[in-house]
Amino acid sequence: MPYVRIEAIAGATRDQKAALVADVTQAVVAHLGKKPEQVWVVIDDVPADNWGVAGGLAADRMAAAAPSREDAHAAVSSQ
């Protein structure tokens, strides 16, 4: 019984997770010859404050990369 564990920064929708589980299951079926009912997939949503990247918190990197409200407003206004 294959057990696949995926850890990711929280934020994926239920539909995205369902699609991921379906794709991972099919990959295990295709590559390992297992039956779909034998495949277990677990998605662990990790808060960005609990995930470190390059010596800092992922939440801080994500906040720095996100456009500010002023930037978003300027982009909409210029269209």
C-alpha atoms as a PDB file:
ATOM      1  CA  MET A   1       0.000   0.000   0.000  1.00  0.00           C
ATOM      2  CA  PRO A   2       1.852   3.142  -1.163  1.00  0.00           C
ATOM      3  CA  TYR A   3       1.568   6.137   1.137  1.00  0.00           C
ATOM      4  CA  VAL A   4       2.430   9.510  -0.382  1.00  0.00           C
ATOM      5  CA  ARG A   5       2.831  12.498   1.910  1.00  0.00           C
ATOM      6  CA  ILE A   6       2.888  16.004   0.480  1.00  0.00           C
ATOM      7  CA  GLU A   7       3.833  18.980   2.616  1.00  0.00           C
ATOM      8  CA  ALA A   8       2.981  22.368   1.189  1.00  0.00           C
ATOM      9  CA  ILE A   9       2.407  25.909   2.321  1.00  0.00           C
ATOM     10  CA  ALA A  10      -1.279  26.263   3.153  1.00  0.00           C
ATOM     11  CA  GLY A  11      -3.474  28.013   0.646  1.00  0.00           C
ATOM     12  CA  ALA A  12      -4.501  25.490  -1.976  1.00  0.00           C
ATOM     13  CA  THR A  13      -8.215  25.181  -2.547  1.00  0.00           C
ATOM     14  CA  ARG A  14     -10.159  21.972  -2.003  1.00  0.00           C
ATOM     15  CA  ASP A  15     -10.463  21.581  -5.788  1.00  0.00           C
ATOM     16  CA  GLN A  16      -6.697  21.984  -6.237  1.00  0.00           C
ATOM     17  CA  LYS A  17      -6.051  19.377  -3.561  1.00  0.00           C
ATOM     18  CA  ALA A  18      -8.549  16.966  -5.101  1.00  0.00           C
ATOM     19  CA  ALA A  19      -6.859  17.344  -8.492  1.00  0.00           C
ATOM     20  CA  LEU A  20      -3.435  16.803  -6.918  1.00  0.00           C
ATOM     21  CA  VAL A  21      -4.603  13.646  -5.135  1.00  0.00           C
ATOM     22  CA  ALA A  22      -6.087  12.312  -8.384  1.00  0.00           C
ATOM     23  CA  ASP A  23      -2.887  13.040 -10.350  1.00  0.00           C
ATOM     24  CA  VAL A  24      -0.567  11.560  -7.699  1.00  0.00           C
ATOM     25  CA  THR A  25      -2.751   8.470  -7.446  1.00  0.00           C
ATOM     26  CA  GLN A  26      -2.658   7.989 -11.223  1.00  0.00           C
ATOM     27  CA  ALA A  27       1.128   8.418 -11.230  1.00  0.00           C
ATOM     28  CA  VAL A  28       1.514   5.691  -8.593  1.00  0.00           C
ATOM     29  CA  VAL A  29      -0.842   3.431 -10.562  1.00  0.00           C
ATOM     30  CA  ALA A  30       1.064   4.072 -13.806  1.00  0.00           C
ATOM     31  CA  HIS A  31       4.585   3.766 -12.426  1.00  0.00           C
ATOM     32  CA  LEU A  32       4.221   1.215  -9.643  1.00  0.00           C
ATOM     33  CA  GLY A  33       1.364  -0.868 -10.994  1.00  0.00           C
ATOM     34  CA  LYS A  34      -0.772  -0.447  -7.897  1.00  0.00           C
ATOM     35  CA  LYS A  35      -4.559  -0.299  -7.789  1.00  0.00           C
ATOM     36  CA  PRO A  36      -6.001   3.159  -7.041  1.00  0.00           C
ATOM     37  CA  GLU A  37      -7.704   1.868  -3.897  1.00  0.00           C
ATOM     38  CA  GLN A  38      -4.283   0.878  -2.541  1.00  0.00           C
ATOM     39  CA  VAL A  39      -2.849   4.417  -2.813  1.00  0.00           C
ATOM     40  CA  TRP A  40      -3.027   6.781   0.149  1.00  0.00           C
ATOM     41  CA  VAL A  41      -2.202  10.466  -0.348  1.00  0.00           C
ATOM     42  CA  VAL A  42      -1.938  12.867   2.586  1.00  0.00           C
ATOM     43  CA  ILE A  43      -1.572  16.614   2.150  1.00  0.00           C
ATOM     44  CA  ASP A  44      -0.158  18.475   5.133  1.00  0.00           C
ATOM     45  CA  ASP A  45      -0.960  22.189   4.957  1.00  0.00           C
ATOM     46  CA  VAL A  46       1.816  24.027   6.721  1.00  0.00           C
ATOM     47  CA  PRO A  47       1.212  27.667   7.667  1.00  0.00           C
ATOM     48  CA  ALA A  48       3.692  29.975   5.923  1.00  0.00           C
ATOM     49  CA  ASP A  49       4.794  31.189   9.386  1.00  0.00           C
ATOM     50  CA  ASN A  50       5.970  27.618  10.102  1.00  0.00           C
ATOM     51  CA  TRP A  51       7.965  27.167   6.887  1.00  0.00           C
ATOM     52  CA  GLY A  52      11.519  28.425   6.467  1.00  0.00           C
ATOM     53  CA  VAL A  53      13.105  29.287   3.139  1.00  0.00           C
ATOM     54  CA  ALA A  54      16.600  30.701   2.564  1.00  0.00           C
ATOM     55  CA  GLY A  55      17.063  31.567   6.217  1.00  0.00           C
ATOM     56  CA  GLY A  56      13.722  33.323   6.667  1.00  0.00           C
ATOM     57  CA  LEU A  57      10.055  32.606   7.010  1.00  0.00           C
ATOM     58  CA  ALA A  58       8.129  31.801   3.857  1.00  0.00           C
ATOM     59  CA  ALA A  59       5.393  34.194   5.028  1.00  0.00           C
ATOM     60  CA  ASP A  60       7.873  37.085   4.923  1.00  0.00           C
ATOM     61  CA  ARG A  61       9.094  36.141   1.440  1.00  0.00           C
ATOM     62  CA  MET A  62       5.528  35.830   0.197  1.00  0.00           C
ATOM     63  CA  ALA A  63       4.575  39.204   1.677  1.00  0.00           C
ATOM     64  CA  ALA A  64       7.601  40.864   0.074  1.00  0.00           C
ATOM     65  CA  ALA A  65       6.777  39.327  -3.320  1.00  0.00           C
ATOM     66  CA  ALA A  66       3.090  40.259  -3.214  1.00  0.00           C
ATOM     67  CA  PRO A  67       2.153  43.548  -4.858  1.00  0.00           C
ATOM     68  CA  SER A  68       1.109  46.208  -2.413  1.00  0.00           C
ATOM     69  CA  ARG A  69      -2.440  47.545  -2.456  1.00  0.00           C
ATOM     70  CA  GLU A  70      -1.128  50.750  -4.054  1.00  0.00           C
ATOM     71  CA  ASP A  71       0.654  48.760  -6.798  1.00  0.00           C
ATOM     72  CA  ALA A  72      -2.479  46.714  -7.490  1.00  0.00           C
ATOM     73  CA  HIS A  73      -4.614  49.867  -7.624  1.00  0.00           C
ATOM     74  CA  ALA A  74      -2.153  51.590  -9.966  1.00  0.00           C
ATOM     75  CA  ALA A  75      -2.131  48.576 -12.280  1.00  0.00           C
ATOM     76  CA  VAL A  76      -5.937  48.545 -12.462  1.00  0.00           C
ATOM     77  CA  SER A  77      -6.124  52.335 -12.902  1.00  0.00           C
ATOM     78  CA  SER A  78      -3.666  52.314 -15.791  1.00  0.00           C
ATOM     79  CA  GLN A  79      -5.722  49.840 -17.833  1.00  0.00           C
END
